[in-house]
Structures are given as C-alpha cells and as structure tokens.
Amino acid sequence: MARTAKKEEVKGIAVKARVQPVAKQAKNTGAYTLVRPHITEKASFLTSSNVYTLVVPVEMNKKEISKVVEKLYKVKSVKITTAPIKKKNIFNRGKWGTKGGGKKAYVFLKKGDSIDFA
C-alpha cells in the first residue's frame, strides 16, 4: 500500500507531514493466511493429543481460523482456542526495543486427523 506525505504550514510554522493512504486496503474477505506453526516444547507435547498450535494474525477470529485450517490442511477442527502472545522488551546493540507480540491459536482435531507441517 503506497502512502503520500503532505507538509502543512500553520501560521508559518512547518508541521509534521500527514500520511494519507493512496489506495484503500482490501476489505475483510476472510482471505487471511496462517502465519506459521508455533514450535515450542509445549506445542510439540500437545501434538501427541491432536492439538496443534499456530501463530495467526491478531485480527483473525475463531471462525476464520477454522475455515483457513480446513482449506489449507483438509481437516475439520473440533475446537479452537486463542491466546495472546505478549511483547517482550529486549536490549540489543545498545538500544532498547520490543520483540514479538501477536496471537496464537490452539486447534483441536479429531482422534484420527493430523496436520503435517513439513
């Protein structure tokens, strides 16, 4: 999405440039994609009981997650729970910053179903 900046002057004083979107973002069509599998020790332990952990966009709700999982992996989810991923403060190369943040989804599947991430 391209953006243009315009400078404004108020009483002869330059003000910060205002950023205006040139093209509108596509409407919420449910065409989201899952970001990636969330690989941790806990997540790998849960796969033995047919629970898969995925990192998803923050805007996505449980119904949309269920539709995308069904389209991508051809499995029907029994239940989906979501949890926030907290941001972490880091100190790197002499500067403070933040790392991470987002949303993860736990996808529960039937006993015979499985998802292969490879």
PDB file of N, CA and C in Angstrom:
ATOM      1  N   MET A   1       0.848  -1.158   0.000  1.00  0.00           N
ATOM      2  CA  MET A   1       0.000   0.000   0.000  1.00  0.00           C
ATOM      3  C   MET A   1       0.900   1.229   0.000  1.00  0.00           C
ATOM      4  N   ALA A   2       0.744   2.078  -1.004  1.00  0.00           N
ATOM      5  CA  ALA A   2       1.567   3.269  -1.120  1.00  0.00           C
ATOM      6  C   ALA A   2       0.952   4.401  -0.306  1.00  0.00           C
ATOM      7  N   ARG A   3       1.826   5.224   0.226  1.00  0.00           N
ATOM      8  CA  ARG A   3       1.367   6.362   1.010  1.00  0.00           C
ATOM      9  C   ARG A   3       2.076   7.614   0.508  1.00  0.00           C
ATOM     10  N   THR A   4       1.371   8.738   0.574  1.00  0.00           N
ATOM     11  CA  THR A   4       1.982  10.002   0.214  1.00  0.00           C
ATOM     12  C   THR A   4       1.973  10.911   1.421  1.00  0.00           C
ATOM     13  N   ALA A   5       2.948  11.772   1.499  1.00  0.00           N
ATOM     14  CA  ALA A   5       3.040  12.697   2.633  1.00  0.00           C
ATOM     15  C   ALA A   5       2.881  14.120   2.126  1.00  0.00           C
ATOM     16  N   LYS A   6       2.087  14.913   2.835  1.00  0.00           N
ATOM     17  CA  LYS A   6       1.895  16.314   2.500  1.00  0.00           C
ATOM     18  C   LYS A   6       2.319  17.154   3.692  1.00  0.00           C
ATOM     19  N   LYS A   7       3.101  18.192   3.432  1.00  0.00           N
ATOM     20  CA  LYS A   7       3.500  19.098   4.506  1.00  0.00           C
ATOM     21  C   LYS A   7       2.468  20.196   4.630  1.00  0.00           C
ATOM     22  N   GLU A   8       2.142  20.527   5.841  1.00  0.00           N
ATOM     23  CA  GLU A   8       1.205  21.605   6.073  1.00  0.00           C
ATOM     24  C   GLU A   8       1.900  22.695   6.874  1.00  0.00           C
ATOM     25  N   GLU A   9       1.484  23.913   6.676  1.00  0.00           N
ATOM     26  CA  GLU A   9       2.017  25.016   7.458  1.00  0.00           C
ATOM     27  C   GLU A   9       0.881  25.669   8.216  1.00  0.00           C
ATOM     28  N   VAL A  10       1.094  25.862   9.499  1.00  0.00           N
ATOM     29  CA  VAL A  10       0.121  26.532  10.334  1.00  0.00           C
ATOM     30  C   VAL A  10       0.774  27.807  10.843  1.00  0.00           C
ATOM     31  N   LYS A  11       0.286  28.961  10.379  1.00  0.00           N
ATOM     32  CA  LYS A  11       0.818  30.270  10.768  1.00  0.00           C
ATOM     33  C   LYS A  11       2.331  30.365  10.522  1.00  0.00           C
ATOM     34  N   GLY A  12       2.782  29.872   9.373  1.00  0.00           N
ATOM     35  CA  GLY A  12       4.174  29.983   9.002  1.00  0.00           C
ATOM     36  C   GLY A  12       5.102  28.963   9.648  1.00  0.00           C
ATOM     37  N   ILE A  13       4.563  28.052  10.475  1.00  0.00           N
ATOM     38  CA  ILE A  13       5.383  27.042  11.139  1.00  0.00           C
ATOM     39  C   ILE A  13       5.119  25.694  10.467  1.00  0.00           C
ATOM     40  N   ALA A  14       6.182  25.033  10.082  1.00  0.00           N
ATOM     41  CA  ALA A  14       6.035  23.732   9.434  1.00  0.00           C
ATOM     42  C   ALA A  14       5.563  22.703  10.454  1.00  0.00           C
ATOM     43  N   VAL A  15       4.576  21.919  10.061  1.00  0.00           N
ATOM     44  CA  VAL A  15       4.016  20.882  10.922  1.00  0.00           C
ATOM     45  C   VAL A  15       4.422  19.536  10.346  1.00  0.00           C
ATOM     46  N   LYS A  16       4.410  18.517  11.174  1.00  0.00           N
ATOM     47  CA  LYS A  16       4.765  17.181  10.701  1.00  0.00           C
ATOM     48  C   LYS A  16       3.923  16.800   9.485  1.00  0.00           C
ATOM     49  N   ALA A  17       4.514  16.045   8.601  1.00  0.00           N
ATOM     50  CA  ALA A  17       3.808  15.612   7.402  1.00  0.00           C
ATOM     51  C   ALA A  17       2.703  14.634   7.774  1.00  0.00           C
ATOM     52  N   ARG A  18       1.560  14.811   7.178  1.00  0.00           N
ATOM     53  CA  ARG A  18       0.449  13.891   7.399  1.00  0.00           C
ATOM     54  C   ARG A  18       0.510  12.807   6.340  1.00  0.00           C
ATOM     55  N   VAL A  19       0.351  11.582   6.755  1.00  0.00           N
ATOM     56  CA  VAL A  19       0.421  10.455   5.830  1.00  0.00           C
ATOM     57  C   VAL A  19      -0.998  10.090   5.439  1.00  0.00           C
ATOM     58  N   GLN A  20      -1.254  10.076   4.130  1.00  0.00           N
ATOM     59  CA  GLN A  20      -2.574   9.732   3.629  1.00  0.00           C
ATOM     60  C   GLN A  20      -2.462   8.506   2.741  1.00  0.00           C
ATOM     61  N   PRO A  21      -3.314   7.498   2.945  1.00  0.00           N
ATOM     62  CA  PRO A  21      -3.247   6.318   2.084  1.00  0.00           C
ATOM     63  C   PRO A  21      -3.715   6.635   0.674  1.00  0.00           C
ATOM     64  N   VAL A  22      -2.982   6.121  -0.299  1.00  0.00           N
ATOM     65  CA  VAL A  22      -3.349   6.333  -1.695  1.00  0.00           C
ATOM     66  C   VAL A  22      -4.398   5.314  -2.113  1.00  0.00           C
ATOM     67  N   ALA A  23      -4.179   4.059  -1.766  1.00  0.00           N
ATOM     68  CA  ALA A  23      -5.129   3.007  -2.105  1.00  0.00           C
ATOM     69  C   ALA A  23      -5.676   2.410  -0.821  1.00  0.00           C
ATOM     70  N   LYS A  24      -6.982   2.147  -0.807  1.00  0.00           N
ATOM     71  CA  LYS A  24      -7.585   1.564   0.391  1.00  0.00           C
ATOM     72  C   LYS A  24      -7.187   0.102   0.501  1.00  0.00           C
ATOM     73  N   GLN A  25      -7.082  -0.350   1.742  1.00  0.00           N
ATOM     74  CA  GLN A  25      -6.735  -1.742   1.978  1.00  0.00           C
ATOM     75  C   GLN A  25      -7.932  -2.612   1.623  1.00  0.00           C
ATOM     76  N   ALA A  26      -7.683  -3.829   1.181  1.00  0.00           N
ATOM     77  CA  ALA A  26      -8.767  -4.734   0.800  1.00  0.00           C
ATOM     78  C   ALA A  26      -9.673  -4.994   1.993  1.00  0.00           C
ATOM     79  N   LYS A  27     -10.957  -5.100   1.729  1.00  0.00           N
ATOM     80  CA  LYS A  27     -11.921  -5.333   2.806  1.00  0.00           C
ATOM     81  C   LYS A  27     -11.691  -6.707   3.416  1.00  0.00           C
ATOM     82  N   ASN A  28     -12.224  -6.903   4.611  1.00  0.00           N
ATOM     83  CA  ASN A  28     -12.073  -8.169   5.322  1.00  0.00           C
ATOM     84  C   ASN A  28     -12.865  -9.253   4.587  1.00  0.00           C
ATOM     85  N   THR A  29     -12.154 -10.011   3.771  1.00  0.00           N
ATOM     86  CA  THR A  29     -12.806 -11.038   2.970  1.00  0.00           C
ATOM     87  C   THR A  29     -12.554 -12.429   3.513  1.00  0.00           C
ATOM     88  N   GLY A  30     -11.846 -12.531   4.634  1.00  0.00           N
ATOM     89  CA  GLY A  30     -11.520 -13.843   5.172  1.00  0.00           C
ATOM     90  C   GLY A  30     -10.374 -14.494   4.428  1.00  0.00           C
ATOM     91  N   ALA A  31      -9.664 -13.731   3.606  1.00  0.00           N
ATOM     92  CA  ALA A  31      -8.577 -14.279   2.815  1.00  0.00           C
ATOM     93  C   ALA A  31      -7.259 -14.173   3.569  1.00  0.00           C
ATOM     94  N   TYR A  32      -7.299 -14.400   4.861  1.00  0.00           N
ATOM     95  CA  TYR A  32      -6.083 -14.386   5.660  1.00  0.00           C
ATOM     96  C   TYR A  32      -5.329 -15.694   5.486  1.00  0.00           C
ATOM     97  N   THR A  33      -4.082 -15.670   5.803  1.00  0.00           N
ATOM     98  CA  THR A  33      -3.314 -16.896   5.839  1.00  0.00           C
ATOM     99  C   THR A  33      -2.752 -17.071   7.235  1.00  0.00           C
ATOM    100  N   LEU A  34      -2.559 -18.295   7.627  1.00  0.00           N
ATOM    101  CA  LEU A  34      -1.935 -18.565   8.913  1.00  0.00           C
ATOM    102  C   LEU A  34      -0.465 -18.200   8.792  1.00  0.00           C
ATOM    103  N   VAL A  35       0.085 -17.606   9.806  1.00  0.00           N
ATOM    104  CA  VAL A  35       1.454 -17.128   9.716  1.00  0.00           C
ATOM    105  C   VAL A  35       2.435 -18.292   9.721  1.00  0.00           C
ATOM    106  N   ARG A  36       2.393 -19.105  10.775  1.00  0.00           N
ATOM    107  CA  ARG A  36       3.319 -20.232  10.862  1.00  0.00           C
ATOM    108  C   ARG A  36       2.922 -21.114  12.031  1.00  0.00           C
ATOM    109  N   PRO A  37       3.434 -22.320  12.094  1.00  0.00           N
ATOM    110  CA  PRO A  37       3.220 -23.126  13.297  1.00  0.00           C
ATOM    111  C   PRO A  37       4.059 -22.573  14.446  1.00  0.00           C
ATOM    112  N   HIS A  38       3.542 -22.662  15.645  1.00  0.00           N
ATOM    113  CA  HIS A  38       4.238 -22.185  16.836  1.00  0.00           C
ATOM    114  C   HIS A  38       4.984 -23.367  17.433  1.00  0.00           C
ATOM    115  N   ILE A  39       6.300 -23.431  17.204  1.00  0.00           N
ATOM    116  CA  ILE A  39       7.102 -24.579  17.602  1.00  0.00           C
ATOM    117  C   ILE A  39       7.753 -24.288  18.954  1.00  0.00           C
ATOM    118  N   THR A  40       7.254 -24.922  19.980  1.00  0.00           N
ATOM    119  CA  THR A  40       7.850 -24.852  21.306  1.00  0.00           C
ATOM    120  C   THR A  40       7.784 -26.245  21.911  1.00  0.00           C
ATOM    121  N   GLU A  41       8.374 -26.390  23.081  1.00  0.00           N
ATOM    122  CA  GLU A  41       8.335 -27.691  23.748  1.00  0.00           C
ATOM    123  C   GLU A  41       6.903 -28.056  24.125  1.00  0.00           C
ATOM    124  N   LYS A  42       6.149 -27.087  24.626  1.00  0.00           N
ATOM    125  CA  LYS A  42       4.757 -27.334  24.993  1.00  0.00           C
ATOM    126  C   LYS A  42       3.925 -27.678  23.760  1.00  0.00           C
ATOM    127  N   ALA A  43       4.134 -26.959  22.660  1.00  0.00           N
ATOM    128  CA  ALA A  43       3.372 -27.203  21.443  1.00  0.00           C
ATOM    129  C   ALA A  43       3.664 -28.582  20.872  1.00  0.00           C
ATOM    130  N   SER A  44       4.920 -29.011  20.918  1.00  0.00           N
ATOM    131  CA  SER A  44       5.252 -30.339  20.403  1.00  0.00           C
ATOM    132  C   SER A  44       4.690 -31.436  21.308  1.00  0.00           C
ATOM    133  N   PHE A  45       4.600 -31.170  22.596  1.00  0.00           N
ATOM    134  CA  PHE A  45       3.984 -32.132  23.517  1.00  0.00           C
ATOM    135  C   PHE A  45       2.483 -32.258  23.240  1.00  0.00           C
ATOM    136  N   LEU A  46       1.830 -31.146  22.897  1.00  0.00           N
ATOM    137  CA  LEU A  46       0.384 -31.158  22.642  1.00  0.00           C
ATOM    138  C   LEU A  46       0.008 -31.871  21.342  1.00  0.00           C
ATOM    139  N   THR A  47       0.948 -31.966  20.380  1.00  0.00           N
ATOM    140  CA  THR A  47       0.624 -32.626  19.114  1.00  0.00           C
ATOM    141  C   THR A  47       0.309 -34.099  19.294  1.00  0.00           C
ATOM    142  N   SER A  48       0.823 -34.700  20.371  1.00  0.00           N
ATOM    143  CA  SER A  48       0.514 -36.114  20.616  1.00  0.00           C
ATOM    144  C   SER A  48      -0.951 -36.303  21.013  1.00  0.00           C
ATOM    145  N   SER A  49      -1.606 -35.231  21.489  1.00  0.00           N
ATOM    146  CA  SER A  49      -3.026 -35.322  21.837  1.00  0.00           C
ATOM    147  C   SER A  49      -3.887 -34.558  20.828  1.00  0.00           C
ATOM    148  N   ASN A  50      -3.415 -34.454  19.571  1.00  0.00           N
ATOM    149  CA  ASN A  50      -4.139 -33.832  18.450  1.00  0.00           C
ATOM    150  C   ASN A  50      -4.501 -32.367  18.698  1.00  0.00           C
ATOM    151  N   VAL A  51      -3.601 -31.616  19.316  1.00  0.00           N
ATOM    152  CA  VAL A  51      -3.764 -30.171  19.478  1.00  0.00           C
ATOM    153  C   VAL A  51      -2.569 -29.521  18.794  1.00  0.00           C
ATOM    154  N   TYR A  52      -2.840 -28.671  17.805  1.00  0.00           N
ATOM    155  CA  TYR A  52      -1.786 -28.016  17.044  1.00  0.00           C
ATOM    156  C   TYR A  52      -1.815 -26.522  17.325  1.00  0.00           C
ATOM    157  N   THR A  53      -0.636 -25.918  17.491  1.00  0.00           N
ATOM    158  CA  THR A  53      -0.521 -24.509  17.825  1.00  0.00           C
ATOM    159  C   THR A  53      -0.036 -23.738  16.605  1.00  0.00           C
ATOM    160  N   LEU A  54      -0.764 -22.668  16.250  1.00  0.00           N
ATOM    161  CA  LEU A  54      -0.442 -21.854  15.088  1.00  0.00           C
ATOM    162  C   LEU A  54      -0.383 -20.390  15.493  1.00  0.00           C
ATOM    163  N   VAL A  55       0.530 -19.635  14.888  1.00  0.00           N
ATOM    164  CA  VAL A  55       0.559 -18.191  15.062  1.00  0.00           C
ATOM    165  C   VAL A  55      -0.324 -17.605  13.971  1.00  0.00           C
ATOM    166  N   VAL A  56      -1.279 -16.766  14.364  1.00  0.00           N
ATOM    167  CA  VAL A  56      -2.255 -16.217  13.422  1.00  0.00           C
ATOM    168  C   VAL A  56      -2.267 -14.696  13.511  1.00  0.00           C
ATOM    169  N   PRO A  57      -2.807 -13.998  12.503  1.00  0.00           N
ATOM    170  CA  PRO A  57      -2.943 -12.546  12.604  1.00  0.00           C
ATOM    171  C   PRO A  57      -3.862 -12.160  13.756  1.00  0.00           C
ATOM    172  N   VAL A  58      -3.607 -11.020  14.366  1.00  0.00           N
ATOM    173  CA  VAL A  58      -4.370 -10.578  15.527  1.00  0.00           C
ATOM    174  C   VAL A  58      -5.834 -10.321  15.156  1.00  0.00           C
ATOM    175  N   GLU A  59      -6.096  -9.905  13.932  1.00  0.00           N
ATOM    176  CA  GLU A  59      -7.448  -9.562  13.510  1.00  0.00           C
ATOM    177  C   GLU A  59      -8.334 -10.782  13.285  1.00  0.00           C
ATOM    178  N   MET A  60      -7.743 -11.951  13.187  1.00  0.00           N
ATOM    179  CA  MET A  60      -8.469 -13.157  12.832  1.00  0.00           C
ATOM    180  C   MET A  60      -9.259 -13.698  14.014  1.00  0.00           C
ATOM    181  N   ASN A  61     -10.511 -14.118  13.776  1.00  0.00           N
ATOM    182  CA  ASN A  61     -11.299 -14.724  14.840  1.00  0.00           C
ATOM    183  C   ASN A  61     -11.355 -16.238  14.662  1.00  0.00           C
ATOM    184  N   LYS A  62     -12.034 -16.923  15.583  1.00  0.00           N
ATOM    185  CA  LYS A  62     -12.017 -18.388  15.597  1.00  0.00           C
ATOM    186  C   LYS A  62     -12.688 -18.993  14.371  1.00  0.00           C
ATOM    187  N   LYS A  63     -13.763 -18.386  13.886  1.00  0.00           N
ATOM    188  CA  LYS A  63     -14.446 -18.911  12.705  1.00  0.00           C
ATOM    189  C   LYS A  63     -13.554 -18.818  11.477  1.00  0.00           C
ATOM    190  N   GLU A  64     -12.862 -17.705  11.326  1.00  0.00           N
ATOM    191  CA  GLU A  64     -11.961 -17.546  10.190  1.00  0.00           C
ATOM    192  C   GLU A  64     -10.788 -18.523  10.275  1.00  0.00           C
ATOM    193  N   ILE A  65     -10.273 -18.732  11.474  1.00  0.00           N
ATOM    194  CA  ILE A  65      -9.179 -19.689  11.663  1.00  0.00           C
ATOM    195  C   ILE A  65      -9.638 -21.079  11.259  1.00  0.00           C
ATOM    196  N   SER A  66     -10.850 -21.447  11.659  1.00  0.00           N
ATOM    197  CA  SER A  66     -11.391 -22.765  11.332  1.00  0.00           C
ATOM    198  C   SER A  66     -11.517 -22.948   9.827  1.00  0.00           C
ATOM    199  N   LYS A  67     -11.989 -21.925   9.120  1.00  0.00           N
ATOM    200  CA  LYS A  67     -12.133 -22.012   7.663  1.00  0.00           C
ATOM    201  C   LYS A  67     -10.788 -22.164   6.969  1.00  0.00           C
ATOM    202  N   VAL A  68      -9.798 -21.396   7.424  1.00  0.00           N
ATOM    203  CA  VAL A  68      -8.475 -21.445   6.792  1.00  0.00           C
ATOM    204  C   VAL A  68      -7.801 -22.789   7.050  1.00  0.00           C
ATOM    205  N   VAL A  69      -7.921 -23.322   8.270  1.00  0.00           N
ATOM    206  CA  VAL A  69      -7.333 -24.628   8.586  1.00  0.00           C
ATOM    207  C   VAL A  69      -7.976 -25.712   7.723  1.00  0.00           C
ATOM    208  N   GLU A  70      -9.283 -25.609   7.531  1.00  0.00           N
ATOM    209  CA  GLU A  70      -9.985 -26.603   6.716  1.00  0.00           C
ATOM    210  C   GLU A  70      -9.544 -26.536   5.255  1.00  0.00           C
ATOM    211  N   LYS A  71      -9.327 -25.313   4.736  1.00  0.00           N
ATOM    212  CA  LYS A  71      -8.897 -25.174   3.342  1.00  0.00           C
ATOM    213  C   LYS A  71      -7.457 -25.612   3.137  1.00  0.00           C
ATOM    214  N   LEU A  72      -6.556 -25.192   4.042  1.00  0.00           N
ATOM    215  CA  LEU A  72      -5.136 -25.469   3.848  1.00  0.00           C
ATOM    216  C   LEU A  72      -4.757 -26.914   4.137  1.00  0.00           C
ATOM    217  N   TYR A  73      -5.271 -27.445   5.242  1.00  0.00           N
ATOM    218  CA  TYR A  73      -4.810 -28.757   5.699  1.00  0.00           C
ATOM    219  C   TYR A  73      -5.829 -29.865   5.495  1.00  0.00           C
ATOM    220  N   LYS A  74      -7.024 -29.547   4.990  1.00  0.00           N
ATOM    221  CA  LYS A  74      -8.069 -30.541   4.685  1.00  0.00           C
ATOM    222  C   LYS A  74      -8.474 -31.357   5.910  1.00  0.00           C
ATOM    223  N   VAL A  75      -8.549 -30.711   7.068  1.00  0.00           N
ATOM    224  CA  VAL A  75      -9.002 -31.358   8.301  1.00  0.00           C
ATOM    225  C   VAL A  75     -10.058 -30.478   8.952  1.00  0.00           C
ATOM    226  N   LYS A  76     -10.975 -31.101   9.641  1.00  0.00           N
ATOM    227  CA  LYS A  76     -12.040 -30.376  10.341  1.00  0.00           C
ATOM    228  C   LYS A  76     -11.640 -30.204  11.798  1.00  0.00           C
ATOM    229  N   SER A  77     -11.704 -28.966  12.292  1.00  0.00           N
ATOM    230  CA  SER A  77     -11.322 -28.723  13.682  1.00  0.00           C
ATOM    231  C   SER A  77     -12.521 -28.942  14.596  1.00  0.00           C
ATOM    232  N   VAL A  78     -12.271 -29.538  15.754  1.00  0.00           N
ATOM    233  CA  VAL A  78     -13.316 -29.775  16.747  1.00  0.00           C
ATOM    234  C   VAL A  78     -13.512 -28.517  17.581  1.00  0.00           C
ATOM    235  N   LYS A  79     -12.410 -27.899  18.005  1.00  0.00           N
ATOM    236  CA  LYS A  79     -12.464 -26.734  18.868  1.00  0.00           C
ATOM    237  C   LYS A  79     -11.229 -25.878  18.603  1.00  0.00           C
ATOM    238  N   ILE A  80     -11.381 -24.566  18.768  1.00  0.00           N
ATOM    239  CA  ILE A  80     -10.255 -23.650  18.613  1.00  0.00           C
ATOM    240  C   ILE A  80     -10.255 -22.687  19.790  1.00  0.00           C
ATOM    241  N   THR A  81      -9.106 -22.548  20.419  1.00  0.00           N
ATOM    242  CA  THR A  81      -8.942 -21.540  21.460  1.00  0.00           C
ATOM    243  C   THR A  81      -7.804 -20.621  21.050  1.00  0.00           C
ATOM    244  N   THR A  82      -7.895 -19.371  21.453  1.00  0.00           N
ATOM    245  CA  THR A  82      -6.857 -18.404  21.107  1.00  0.00           C
ATOM    246  C   THR A  82      -6.255 -17.818  22.374  1.00  0.00           C
ATOM    247  N   ALA A  83      -5.022 -17.372  22.254  1.00  0.00           N
ATOM    248  CA  ALA A  83      -4.315 -16.758  23.384  1.00  0.00           C
ATOM    249  C   ALA A  83      -3.375 -15.690  22.843  1.00  0.00           C
ATOM    250  N   PRO A  84      -3.206 -14.592  23.580  1.00  0.00           N
ATOM    251  CA  PRO A  84      -2.279 -13.555  23.123  1.00  0.00           C
ATOM    252  C   PRO A  84      -0.828 -13.951  23.379  1.00  0.00           C
ATOM    253  N   ILE A  85       0.056 -13.468  22.525  1.00  0.00           N
ATOM    254  CA  ILE A  85       1.491 -13.621  22.739  1.00  0.00           C
ATOM    255  C   ILE A  85       1.987 -12.244  23.182  1.00  0.00           C
ATOM    256  N   LYS A  86       2.557 -12.160  24.378  1.00  0.00           N
ATOM    257  CA  LYS A  86       2.982 -10.877  24.926  1.00  0.00           C
ATOM    258  C   LYS A  86       4.236 -10.373  24.220  1.00  0.00           C
ATOM    259  N   LYS A  87       4.341  -9.040  24.127  1.00  0.00           N
ATOM    260  CA  LYS A  87       5.563  -8.434  23.619  1.00  0.00           C
ATOM    261  C   LYS A  87       6.630  -8.519  24.695  1.00  0.00           C
ATOM    262  N   LYS A  88       7.886  -8.620  24.276  1.00  0.00           N
ATOM    263  CA  LYS A  88       8.990  -8.698  25.223  1.00  0.00           C
ATOM    264  C   LYS A  88       9.946  -7.540  24.970  1.00  0.00           C
ATOM    265  N   ASN A  89      10.391  -6.911  26.046  1.00  0.00           N
ATOM    266  CA  ASN A  89      11.384  -5.848  25.934  1.00  0.00           C
ATOM    267  C   ASN A  89      12.765  -6.471  25.827  1.00  0.00           C
ATOM    268  N   ILE A  90      13.536  -6.007  24.844  1.00  0.00           N
ATOM    269  CA  ILE A  90      14.882  -6.539  24.647  1.00  0.00           C
ATOM    270  C   ILE A  90      15.884  -5.380  24.603  1.00  0.00           C
ATOM    271  N   PHE A  91      17.128  -5.689  24.889  1.00  0.00           N
ATOM    272  CA  PHE A  91      18.225  -4.735  24.812  1.00  0.00           C
ATOM    273  C   PHE A  91      19.244  -5.317  23.855  1.00  0.00           C
ATOM    274  N   ASN A  92      19.393  -4.701  22.680  1.00  0.00           N
ATOM    275  CA  ASN A  92      20.257  -5.246  21.650  1.00  0.00           C
ATOM    276  C   ASN A  92      21.091  -4.115  21.043  1.00  0.00           C
ATOM    277  N   ARG A  93      22.392  -4.300  20.996  1.00  0.00           N
ATOM    278  CA  ARG A  93      23.324  -3.350  20.402  1.00  0.00           C
ATOM    279  C   ARG A  93      23.173  -1.949  20.989  1.00  0.00           C
ATOM    280  N   GLY A  94      22.979  -1.895  22.297  1.00  0.00           N
ATOM    281  CA  GLY A  94      22.929  -0.611  22.983  1.00  0.00           C
ATOM    282  C   GLY A  94      21.601   0.114  22.910  1.00  0.00           C
ATOM    283  N   LYS A  95      20.571  -0.531  22.389  1.00  0.00           N
ATOM    284  CA  LYS A  95      19.271   0.124  22.265  1.00  0.00           C
ATOM    285  C   LYS A  95      18.177  -0.786  22.806  1.00  0.00           C
ATOM    286  N   TRP A  96      17.176  -0.163  23.404  1.00  0.00           N
ATOM    287  CA  TRP A  96      16.014  -0.911  23.865  1.00  0.00           C
ATOM    288  C   TRP A  96      15.005  -1.008  22.736  1.00  0.00           C
ATOM    289  N   GLY A  97      14.337  -2.149  22.690  1.00  0.00           N
ATOM    290  CA  GLY A  97      13.313  -2.357  21.676  1.00  0.00           C
ATOM    291  C   GLY A  97      12.311  -3.393  22.160  1.00  0.00           C
ATOM    292  N   THR A  98      11.366  -3.715  21.304  1.00  0.00           N
ATOM    293  CA  THR A  98      10.388  -4.745  21.644  1.00  0.00           C
ATOM    294  C   THR A  98      10.473  -5.867  20.624  1.00  0.00           C
ATOM    295  N   LYS A  99      10.079  -7.027  21.059  1.00  0.00           N
ATOM    296  CA  LYS A  99      10.154  -8.214  20.227  1.00  0.00           C
ATOM    297  C   LYS A  99       8.868  -9.004  20.400  1.00  0.00           C
ATOM    298  N   GLY A 100       8.412  -9.587  19.329  1.00  0.00           N
ATOM    299  CA  GLY A 100       7.278 -10.492  19.422  1.00  0.00           C
ATOM    300  C   GLY A 100       5.946  -9.796  19.488  1.00  0.00           C
ATOM    301  N   GLY A 101       5.039 -10.448  20.144  1.00  0.00           N
ATOM    302  CA  GLY A 101       3.674  -9.964  20.202  1.00  0.00           C
ATOM    303  C   GLY A 101       2.850 -10.620  19.120  1.00  0.00           C
ATOM    304  N   GLY A 102       1.581 -10.790  19.374  1.00  0.00           N
ATOM    305  CA  GLY A 102       0.711 -11.368  18.373  1.00  0.00           C
ATOM    306  C   GLY A 102      -0.370 -12.231  18.998  1.00  0.00           C
ATOM    307  N   LYS A 103      -0.744 -13.281  18.274  1.00  0.00           N
ATOM    308  CA  LYS A 103      -1.832 -14.146  18.707  1.00  0.00           C
ATOM    309  C   LYS A 103      -1.540 -15.572  18.265  1.00  0.00           C
ATOM    310  N   LYS A 104      -1.841 -16.534  19.130  1.00  0.00           N
ATOM    311  CA  LYS A 104      -1.682 -17.934  18.750  1.00  0.00           C
ATOM    312  C   LYS A 104      -3.006 -18.649  18.930  1.00  0.00           C
ATOM    313  N   ALA A 105      -3.186 -19.682  18.133  1.00  0.00           N
ATOM    314  CA  ALA A 105      -4.429 -20.448  18.168  1.00  0.00           C
ATOM    315  C   ALA A 105      -4.103 -21.908  18.420  1.00  0.00           C
ATOM    316  N   TYR A 106      -4.853 -22.509  19.335  1.00  0.00           N
ATOM    317  CA  TYR A 106      -4.763 -23.941  19.579  1.00  0.00           C
ATOM    318  C   TYR A 106      -5.890 -24.604  18.813  1.00  0.00           C
ATOM    319  N   VAL A 107      -5.546 -25.470  17.848  1.00  0.00           N
ATOM    320  CA  VAL A 107      -6.531 -26.135  17.003  1.00  0.00           C
ATOM    321  C   VAL A 107      -6.650 -27.582  17.462  1.00  0.00           C
ATOM    322  N   PHE A 108      -7.835 -27.961  17.939  1.00  0.00           N
ATOM    323  CA  PHE A 108      -8.107 -29.315  18.397  1.00  0.00           C
ATOM    324  C   PHE A 108      -8.713 -30.105  17.244  1.00  0.00           C
ATOM    325  N   LEU A 109      -8.159 -31.287  16.966  1.00  0.00           N
ATOM    326  CA  LEU A 109      -8.632 -32.134  15.871  1.00  0.00           C
ATOM    327  C   LEU A 109      -9.202 -33.443  16.402  1.00  0.00           C
ATOM    328  N   LYS A 110      -9.923 -34.167  15.509  1.00  0.00           N
ATOM    329  CA  LYS A 110     -10.439 -35.488  15.876  1.00  0.00           C
ATOM    330  C   LYS A 110      -9.284 -36.443  16.089  1.00  0.00           C
ATOM    331  N   LYS A 111      -9.581 -37.600  16.645  1.00  0.00           N
ATOM    332  CA  LYS A 111      -8.540 -38.565  17.027  1.00  0.00           C
ATOM    333  C   LYS A 111      -7.717 -39.052  15.842  1.00  0.00           C
ATOM    334  N   GLY A 112      -8.309 -39.289  14.696  1.00  0.00           N
ATOM    335  CA  GLY A 112      -7.570 -39.822  13.550  1.00  0.00           C
ATOM    336  C   GLY A 112      -6.895 -38.771  12.691  1.00  0.00           C
ATOM    337  N   ASP A 113      -7.276 -37.511  12.800  1.00  0.00           N
ATOM    338  CA  ASP A 113      -6.743 -36.454  11.958  1.00  0.00           C
ATOM    339  C   ASP A 113      -5.380 -35.954  12.453  1.00  0.00           C
ATOM    340  N   SER A 114      -4.603 -35.400  11.531  1.00  0.00           N
ATOM    341  CA  SER A 114      -3.322 -34.798  11.905  1.00  0.00           C
ATOM    342  C   SER A 114      -2.934 -33.768  10.852  1.00  0.00           C
ATOM    343  N   ILE A 115      -2.058 -32.867  11.224  1.00  0.00           N
ATOM    344  CA  ILE A 115      -1.534 -31.849  10.317  1.00  0.00           C
ATOM    345  C   ILE A 115      -0.042 -32.087  10.176  1.00  0.00           C
ATOM    346  N   ASP A 116       0.423 -32.095   8.917  1.00  0.00           N
ATOM    347  CA  ASP A 116       1.846 -32.273   8.647  1.00  0.00           C
ATOM    348  C   ASP A 116       2.412 -30.920   8.207  1.00  0.00           C
ATOM    349  N   PHE A 117       3.290 -30.337   9.014  1.00  0.00           N
ATOM    350  CA  PHE A 117       3.846 -29.027   8.713  1.00  0.00           C
ATOM    351  C   PHE A 117       5.063 -29.087   7.810  1.00  0.00           C
ATOM    352  N   ALA A 118       5.605 -30.242   7.546  1.00  0.00           N
ATOM    353  CA  ALA A 118       6.820 -30.357   6.729  1.00  0.00           C
ATOM    354  C   ALA A 118       6.566 -30.187   5.276  1.00  0.00           C
TER     355      ALA A 118
END
